[in-house]
Amino acid sequence: MKENEYLEEIEPKTPENACKTGDKSDLDVKKGEKMKTREEVEALKRDWEGDAIWDLETTIGFEEYAEELKAFRLQKEAEWGEARDKHLLARANKLCCSQELVVHIEWLEKRIEEMEALIEKQAEYTDKRFLRVHRNMR
């Protein structure tokens, strides 16, 4: 019998003794932490949809909803992929080119927007600096 099994026979797993067994995976709700409500789960989904840069099902505190969250993430990613494919096909048809070329064109358009924003920011800085220098010359 392993030491961990022996400890579990003596005292059942709880948040307080989980460190002794070295396994916290079976603990659904940690000490002092309430199970998340349906409203919190739906709010998490909405937040993720607005900025989907992490695996939704790995969100700390929502472990008991991991399967539901993973299914939701996979469904949304499939929907977004399908919408992206439709967009690329429509734009490729409009421009009489390949979808790969559309991807490159859109990347270039995004870079142009970023550069324009930087130029605008630099122009504002230059204008402010000019005004400051001009005022000091008076």
Foldseek 3Di string as FASTA:
>chain_A
DDPLVVVCVVPNDALVCCVVSPDPPPPPAHPPGDQDDPVVLVVLVVVCVVPVPDQSLPDPRHVVCSVVSNVSVVVVVVVVVVVLVVVLVVVCVVVVHHSVVVVVVVVVVVVVVVVVVVVVVVVVVVVVVVVVVVVVVD
